[in-house]
Protein backbone atom coordinates (compact mmCIF):
# COMPACT_ATOMS: atom_id res chain seq x y z
CA MET A 1 21.04 -7.78 -11.87
CA THR A 2 19.50 -4.42 -10.05
CA ASP A 3 15.87 -4.09 -10.79
CA PRO A 4 15.63 -0.68 -12.66
CA ARG A 5 12.42 0.24 -10.34
CA ILE A 6 14.93 0.64 -7.49
CA ASP A 7 17.15 3.07 -9.39
CA ARG A 8 14.18 4.91 -10.45
CA LEU A 9 13.00 5.01 -6.99
CA ALA A 10 16.25 6.53 -5.50
CA GLU A 11 16.17 9.07 -8.37
CA ILE A 12 12.73 10.25 -6.99
CA LEU A 13 13.70 10.27 -3.41
CA VAL A 14 17.00 12.25 -3.98
CA ARG A 15 15.85 14.42 -7.10
CA TYR A 16 12.29 15.04 -6.49
CA SER A 17 11.45 14.36 -2.80
CA THR A 18 14.21 16.01 -0.98
CA ARG A 19 15.85 17.90 -3.97
CA VAL A 20 19.40 17.24 -2.83
CA LYS A 21 21.83 20.00 -3.58
CA PRO A 22 25.79 20.36 -4.11
CA GLY A 23 27.13 20.42 -0.14
CA ASP A 24 24.02 19.12 1.25
CA LEU A 25 24.71 16.66 4.18
CA VAL A 26 22.10 13.72 3.47
CA GLY A 27 21.30 11.06 6.08
CA ILE A 28 20.47 7.88 4.37
CA MET A 29 19.01 5.67 7.23
CA GLY A 30 17.79 1.86 7.43
CA TYR A 31 14.72 1.22 9.58
CA PRO A 32 15.43 -1.26 10.96
CA PHE A 33 18.66 -2.13 9.18
CA SER A 34 18.75 -5.10 6.95
CA ARG A 35 20.56 -6.71 3.97
CA GLU A 36 17.04 -6.38 2.34
CA ALA A 37 17.51 -2.34 2.60
CA LEU A 38 21.10 -2.39 1.28
CA PRO A 39 19.96 -2.19 -2.62
CA LEU A 40 17.88 0.86 -2.03
CA MET A 41 20.40 2.28 0.23
CA GLU A 42 23.01 1.72 -2.30
CA ALA A 43 21.18 3.49 -4.92
CA VAL A 44 20.19 6.27 -2.97
CA PHE A 45 23.78 6.74 -1.86
CA ARG A 46 25.12 6.89 -5.55
CA GLU A 47 22.22 9.14 -6.69
CA VAL A 48 23.00 11.72 -3.95
CA LEU A 49 26.63 11.53 -5.11
CA ARG A 50 25.52 12.56 -8.48
CA ALA A 51 23.72 15.32 -6.93
CA GLY A 52 26.72 16.48 -5.49
CA GLY A 53 25.59 15.98 -1.66
CA HIS A 54 27.58 14.34 1.07
CA PRO A 55 25.91 10.81 1.58
CA TYR A 56 25.94 9.87 5.34
CA PRO A 57 24.65 6.35 6.17
CA TYR A 58 23.44 5.52 9.61
CA LEU A 59 21.09 3.37 11.51
CA GLU A 60 18.39 3.88 13.79
CA ALA A 61 16.21 2.36 16.66
CA ARG A 62 18.67 -0.58 17.87
CA TYR A 63 19.99 -1.53 14.19
CA THR A 64 18.43 -4.55 13.78
CA GLU A 65 15.21 -5.92 14.87
CA GLU A 66 16.64 -8.56 17.08
CA LEU A 67 19.13 -5.98 18.96
CA ASP A 68 15.76 -4.00 19.30
CA ARG A 69 13.85 -6.68 20.99
CA ILE A 70 17.16 -7.34 23.44
CA PHE A 71 17.30 -3.73 24.12
CA TYR A 72 13.68 -3.52 25.23
CA GLU A 73 13.98 -6.80 27.37
CA GLU A 74 17.17 -6.48 28.75
CA GLY A 75 17.53 -2.73 29.31
CA ASN A 76 17.12 -1.11 32.65
CA ASP A 77 15.49 2.28 32.94
CA ASP A 78 18.82 4.03 32.62
CA GLN A 79 19.91 2.41 29.31
CA LEU A 80 16.22 2.89 27.98
CA GLN A 81 16.31 6.55 28.38
CA TYR A 82 19.95 7.03 27.40
CA LEU A 83 20.34 9.42 24.44
CA GLU A 84 23.63 9.24 22.63
CA PRO A 85 25.59 12.86 22.95
CA TRP A 86 25.75 12.92 19.21
CA ALA A 87 22.03 12.53 18.59
CA GLU A 88 20.97 16.12 18.93
CA GLN A 89 23.90 17.37 17.19
CA MET A 90 23.14 14.91 14.05
CA THR A 91 19.27 16.30 14.24
CA ARG A 92 20.54 19.63 14.13
CA SER A 93 23.31 18.96 11.07
CA LEU A 94 21.28 17.03 8.54
CA ASP A 95 20.12 19.00 5.45
CA CYS A 96 18.22 15.79 4.44
CA ASP A 97 17.10 12.49 5.43
CA ILE A 98 15.94 9.84 3.86
CA MET A 99 14.58 6.73 5.53
CA VAL A 100 14.65 3.31 4.07
CA MET A 101 11.90 0.93 5.68
CA ALA A 102 12.92 -2.76 5.12
CA ALA A 103 11.80 -5.13 8.09
CA THR A 104 12.02 -8.58 8.05
CA ASN A 105 9.71 -9.36 11.03
CA THR A 106 7.22 -6.77 11.53
CA ARG A 107 6.00 -8.46 14.75
CA ALA A 108 9.40 -8.79 16.37
CA LEU A 109 8.27 -6.65 19.53
CA THR A 110 4.73 -8.03 19.68
CA SER A 111 5.73 -9.90 23.08
CA VAL A 112 7.79 -6.88 24.52
CA ASP A 113 5.86 -5.21 27.51
CA SER A 114 4.36 -1.94 25.72
CA SER A 115 5.47 0.35 28.94
CA ARG A 116 9.15 -0.47 28.19
CA ILE A 117 8.87 0.59 24.55
CA ALA A 118 7.22 3.93 25.85
CA VAL A 119 10.19 4.94 27.91
CA PRO A 120 12.80 5.61 24.98
CA SER A 121 10.11 7.12 22.90
CA ARG A 122 9.44 9.65 25.98
CA ALA A 123 13.21 10.28 26.11
CA ARG A 124 13.54 11.04 22.61
CA ALA A 125 10.41 13.29 22.21
CA ARG A 126 12.61 16.28 22.45
CA LEU A 127 14.56 15.19 19.48
CA PHE A 128 11.45 14.15 17.53
CA ASN A 129 9.80 17.52 17.92
CA LEU A 130 12.87 19.56 17.14
CA TYR A 131 13.09 17.00 13.89
CA LEU A 132 9.61 18.31 13.10
CA GLU A 133 10.30 21.71 14.01
CA ARG A 134 13.51 21.90 11.06
CA ALA A 135 11.03 20.16 8.45
CA ALA A 136 8.52 22.77 9.23
CA GLU A 137 10.87 25.91 8.95
CA GLY A 138 12.44 24.17 5.58
CA SER A 139 16.13 23.74 7.01
CA LEU A 140 15.34 19.80 7.00
CA ARG A 141 14.19 18.00 3.97
CA TRP A 142 12.86 14.21 4.57
CA VAL A 143 11.16 11.16 3.13
CA ILE A 144 10.22 7.92 4.03
CA ALA A 145 10.29 4.84 1.66
CA MET A 146 10.14 1.33 1.51
CA MET A 147 12.02 -1.62 0.12
CA PRO A 148 9.88 -4.46 -0.63
CA THR A 149 10.57 -7.77 2.06
CA ALA A 150 8.94 -10.77 2.64
CA ALA A 151 7.63 -9.81 6.02
CA TYR A 152 5.55 -6.78 4.53
CA ALA A 153 4.52 -8.96 1.66
CA GLN A 154 3.18 -11.57 4.14
CA ASP A 155 1.22 -8.99 6.02
CA ALA A 156 -0.33 -7.63 2.52
CA GLU A 157 -1.08 -11.32 1.95
CA MET A 158 0.76 -11.02 -1.31
CA SER A 159 3.59 -13.20 -2.66
CA LEU A 160 6.86 -10.95 -2.87
CA SER A 161 6.67 -10.38 -6.64
CA GLU A 162 3.29 -9.09 -6.20
CA PHE A 163 4.04 -6.88 -3.38
CA ALA A 164 7.12 -5.47 -5.24
CA ASP A 165 4.88 -4.56 -8.11
CA PHE A 166 2.45 -3.00 -5.83
CA VAL A 167 5.30 -0.77 -4.07
CA PHE A 168 6.78 0.28 -7.49
CA ALA A 169 3.02 1.03 -9.20
CA GLY A 170 2.47 3.03 -5.94
CA THR A 171 5.55 5.59 -5.82
CA TYR A 172 5.39 5.44 -10.06
CA ALA A 173 8.74 3.77 -9.85
CA ASP A 174 7.50 1.72 -12.60
CA ARG A 175 6.96 4.53 -15.14
CA ASP A 176 9.49 5.83 -17.53
CA ASP A 177 9.11 9.58 -16.11
CA PRO A 178 7.73 9.26 -12.58
CA ILE A 179 8.90 12.63 -11.41
CA SER A 180 6.59 14.35 -14.13
CA LEU A 181 3.59 12.06 -12.62
CA TRP A 182 4.34 13.41 -8.84
CA LYS A 183 4.60 16.90 -10.07
CA GLN A 184 0.94 16.69 -11.46
CA LEU A 185 -0.54 15.04 -8.43
CA SER A 186 1.41 17.94 -6.81
CA GLU A 187 -0.71 20.45 -9.02
CA THR A 188 -4.23 18.83 -8.36
CA GLN A 189 -3.81 18.49 -4.63
CA ALA A 190 -2.74 22.03 -4.55
CA GLU A 191 -6.02 23.26 -5.72
CA LEU A 192 -7.92 21.15 -3.24
CA VAL A 193 -5.66 22.88 -0.49
CA THR A 194 -6.61 26.29 -1.89
CA LYS A 195 -10.38 25.63 -1.94
CA LEU A 196 -10.26 24.62 1.74
CA ALA A 197 -8.12 27.40 2.88
CA GLY A 198 -9.71 29.84 5.53
CA LYS A 199 -12.23 27.06 6.50
CA ARG A 200 -13.37 27.03 10.35
CA THR A 201 -15.26 23.67 10.83
CA MET A 202 -15.57 20.35 9.86
CA VAL A 203 -18.05 17.52 10.13
CA VAL A 204 -17.02 14.05 9.08
CA GLN A 205 -19.59 11.60 9.10
CA SER A 206 -20.41 7.73 7.83
CA PRO A 207 -21.21 4.45 9.77
CA HIS A 208 -18.00 4.29 11.01
CA ILE A 209 -17.33 8.06 12.16
CA ASP A 210 -19.03 11.21 13.67
CA LEU A 211 -16.72 14.01 14.34
CA THR A 212 -17.09 17.70 14.59
CA PHE A 213 -13.68 19.79 14.97
CA SER A 214 -12.18 23.24 14.49
CA ILE A 215 -9.71 23.83 11.79
CA GLN A 216 -9.93 27.88 12.50
CA GLY A 217 -6.53 29.25 12.02
CA ARG A 218 -4.74 25.69 10.64
CA THR A 219 -3.59 25.00 7.25
CA PHE A 220 -3.86 21.91 4.83
CA VAL A 221 -0.87 20.49 3.78
CA ASN A 222 0.01 19.09 0.18
CA CYS A 223 1.38 15.81 0.52
CA ASP A 224 2.84 15.28 -2.87
CA GLY A 225 5.85 13.02 -2.29
CA ASP A 226 8.35 15.17 -0.59
CA ARG A 227 7.63 13.41 2.52
CA ASN A 228 6.47 10.12 1.92
CA MET A 229 6.83 7.96 -0.94
CA PRO A 230 4.41 6.91 -2.08
CA ASP A 231 2.36 9.96 -0.97
CA GLY A 232 -1.28 11.19 -2.19
CA GLU A 233 -2.83 12.78 0.90
CA ILE A 234 -3.70 16.49 2.14
CA PHE A 235 -3.77 16.80 5.91
CA THR A 236 -4.28 19.54 8.40
CA CYS A 237 -4.31 19.63 12.62
CA PRO A 238 -7.47 20.23 14.27
CA VAL A 239 -7.65 22.75 16.91
CA GLU A 240 -6.38 20.57 20.10
CA ASP A 241 -9.34 21.36 22.43
CA ALA A 242 -12.02 21.27 19.64
CA VAL A 243 -12.46 17.76 18.62
CA ASP A 244 -15.91 15.88 19.59
CA GLY A 245 -17.54 12.85 18.44
CA TRP A 246 -16.35 9.21 18.01
CA MET A 247 -14.99 7.12 15.38
CA GLU A 248 -14.05 3.41 14.77
CA SER A 249 -11.36 2.22 12.46
CA SER A 250 -12.26 0.43 9.30
CA PHE A 251 -8.89 -1.50 9.38
CA PRO A 252 -6.80 -2.98 12.08
CA ALA A 253 -4.53 -0.38 14.10
CA ILE A 254 -0.85 -1.45 14.48
CA PHE A 255 1.82 0.39 16.21
CA ARG A 256 5.32 -0.54 17.25
CA GLY A 257 4.74 -3.95 15.82
CA VAL A 258 1.77 -4.65 18.14
CA ASP A 259 -1.40 -4.97 16.00
CA VAL A 260 -4.59 -3.97 18.79
CA GLY A 261 -7.19 -4.69 15.69
CA LEU A 262 -10.32 -2.67 15.28
CA VAL A 263 -10.44 0.59 17.23
CA ARG A 264 -13.14 2.90 18.83
CA LEU A 265 -12.23 6.33 20.20
CA CYS A 266 -14.47 8.68 21.62
CA PHE A 267 -13.65 12.33 22.04
CA GLU A 268 -14.61 15.30 24.13
CA LYS A 269 -13.06 18.74 24.18
CA GLY A 270 -10.29 17.50 21.77
CA ARG A 271 -8.96 14.55 24.23
CA VAL A 272 -9.85 10.81 23.69
CA VAL A 273 -11.86 9.91 27.08
CA ALA A 274 -12.47 6.22 25.90
CA ALA A 275 -10.58 4.03 23.62
CA GLU A 276 -11.53 0.29 22.79
CA ALA A 277 -9.34 -2.25 21.01
CA GLU A 278 -10.28 -5.31 19.63
CA LYS A 279 -7.18 -7.01 21.25
CA ASN A 280 -4.30 -5.80 23.11
CA GLN A 281 -5.94 -3.43 24.80
CA ASP A 282 -2.92 -2.95 27.17
CA HIS A 283 -0.88 -1.55 24.51
CA LEU A 284 -3.51 0.77 23.19
CA THR A 285 -3.89 2.28 26.80
CA ALA A 286 -0.32 2.19 27.32
CA MET A 287 0.40 4.11 24.18
CA LEU A 288 -2.35 6.53 25.09
CA ASP A 289 -0.93 7.09 28.64
CA ARG A 290 2.27 7.79 27.32
CA ASP A 291 2.35 11.60 27.82
CA GLU A 292 -0.03 14.58 27.94
CA GLY A 293 -0.40 14.92 24.35
CA ALA A 294 -0.83 11.45 23.15
CA ARG A 295 -4.52 11.60 23.85
CA ARG A 296 -5.10 14.68 21.46
CA VAL A 297 -5.17 14.62 17.74
CA GLY A 298 -2.14 15.65 15.87
CA GLU A 299 -3.60 15.09 12.03
CA PHE A 300 -6.78 14.48 10.17
CA GLY A 301 -5.74 13.52 6.70
CA ILE A 302 -7.62 12.57 3.38
CA GLY A 303 -6.13 9.90 1.20
CA THR A 304 -5.90 10.68 -2.67
CA ASN A 305 -3.96 7.99 -4.25
CA GLU A 306 -6.01 5.95 -6.64
CA GLN A 307 -2.89 3.62 -7.21
CA ILE A 308 -3.05 2.33 -3.79
CA LYS A 309 -6.26 0.24 -3.17
CA LYS A 310 -5.56 -2.66 -0.97
CA PHE A 311 -5.09 -2.55 2.87
CA THR A 312 -1.44 -3.68 3.61
CA LYS A 313 -0.85 -3.26 7.44
CA ASN A 314 1.64 -0.52 6.70
CA MET A 315 0.61 2.91 7.17
CA LEU A 316 3.02 4.42 4.78
CA PHE A 317 0.93 3.09 2.14
CA ASP A 318 -2.50 2.67 3.98
CA GLU A 319 -3.34 6.16 4.74
CA LYS A 320 -2.82 7.08 1.08
CA ILE A 321 -5.74 4.90 0.03
CA GLY A 322 -8.05 6.88 -2.42
CA GLY A 323 -11.41 7.39 -0.34
CA THR A 324 -10.26 6.80 3.08
CA ILE A 325 -9.49 9.46 6.09
CA HIS A 326 -7.18 8.88 8.93
CA LEU A 327 -6.87 10.68 12.26
CA ALA A 328 -3.60 10.35 14.12
CA LEU A 329 -3.14 10.91 17.83
CA GLY A 330 -0.04 12.64 19.18
CA ALA A 331 2.29 15.00 17.81
CA SER A 332 1.20 17.40 15.34
CA TYR A 333 3.02 18.66 12.58
CA PRO A 334 4.29 22.41 13.12
CA GLU A 335 3.36 23.59 9.26
CA THR A 336 -0.20 22.74 9.87
CA GLY A 337 -0.37 25.39 12.79
CA GLY A 338 -0.76 22.41 14.99
CA MET A 339 0.86 22.73 18.60
CA ASN A 340 0.46 19.16 20.01
CA LYS A 341 3.37 17.60 21.21
CA SER A 342 3.94 14.10 22.27
CA ALA A 343 6.15 10.93 21.68
CA ILE A 344 3.94 9.10 19.63
CA HIS A 345 2.04 9.80 16.16
CA TRP A 346 -0.38 7.03 15.70
CA ASP A 347 -2.80 6.96 12.83
CA PHE A 348 -6.17 5.69 12.72
CA LEU A 349 -7.83 4.73 9.14
CA CYS A 350 -11.40 5.12 8.50
CA ASP A 351 -13.20 3.90 4.99
CA MET A 352 -15.15 6.86 3.58
CA ARG A 353 -16.00 5.12 0.08
CA GLU A 354 -19.63 3.85 0.84
CA GLY A 355 -21.78 6.90 1.83
CA GLY A 356 -18.65 9.03 4.02
CA THR A 357 -19.37 12.63 3.86
CA ILE A 358 -17.05 15.67 4.62
CA THR A 359 -18.63 19.07 5.33
CA ALA A 360 -16.66 22.26 5.53
CA ASP A 361 -18.53 25.45 7.28
CA GLY A 362 -21.80 23.70 6.47
CA LYS A 363 -21.08 22.97 2.72
CA ARG A 364 -20.35 19.38 1.39
CA VAL A 365 -16.93 19.13 0.02
CA TYR A 366 -16.48 15.09 0.01
CA GLU A 367 -18.77 12.32 -0.35
CA SER A 368 -18.49 8.54 -0.98
CA GLY A 369 -14.22 8.67 -1.02
CA ARG A 370 -14.48 11.69 -3.78
CA PHE A 371 -13.79 15.61 -3.34
CA LEU A 372 -17.12 17.53 -4.91
CA ILE A 373 -14.77 20.86 -4.92
């Protein structure tokens, strides 16, 4: 018997997040593909048909976690850099794209040489930026969601049933009318975005961060469930050469399945000039040296989802934790006015709930995890 919360989550993704219309070509991607992904992929497939769209299930990465590992270990440079001839055409053709995360082993690539993981990402950077540009102009509507799996539950130190409850509560899929709740959140965050419009300089401080940066000419974006599910944040992109100071992540940083532990980053004129990881330093360094944009900030975000309180080692949820902020290195989202391009987008999370403050143009707008405006 299908969990009714899966059907409600599929309805949220199709009817609210991507607003599928008759005739839309809708990609439905398992990332990575696994049997665990199928219940939600099938529910989304059914809902897309009901909305009049054309569902197109497809696979990304190397299809499964084990095939992915084999690819990185055995592929030569030409194979690692190879782009399928249809990849750009698909990126240009989709009207909507719904990604279902369903990992069964979140550490499958831990032993793979980080420099090899970087090669295909560099080769696909142009497609990644095209994807973001289409989203910014409104011709592509995309969303990422998660199917609860034992691997994610283990990372979060929960049982599978506890983690499933956590996922469906964070998305409101456990409620009778989840879409109305997402609309309410959207209205609340829209007010915050309006009040921050036109600000020029931000200062973020706590025992774990002391950053000053310019947001002149940049726009805050209301993340209300149309790109991530769950959602609950507002974000912008600092001016590329105007970030100075330092930050220490409050929680372990994980990228491409490699946990580097707590990280300290130091910035001068927008660029990371020093980066220290608690472990796996080589991986952190390799990712930051991937391309010119990898050491610059592509996003500054503020989490607002009070349903999400626990760190789970999954940034789809963790960056939304109410009372936290996050800084992402790498690619910026064009709709913010950001211009940084990179093959990576890596979020680092900082807890602000014990005395953290944000000041905008000299006025305190946020304190101890709560907005004052």
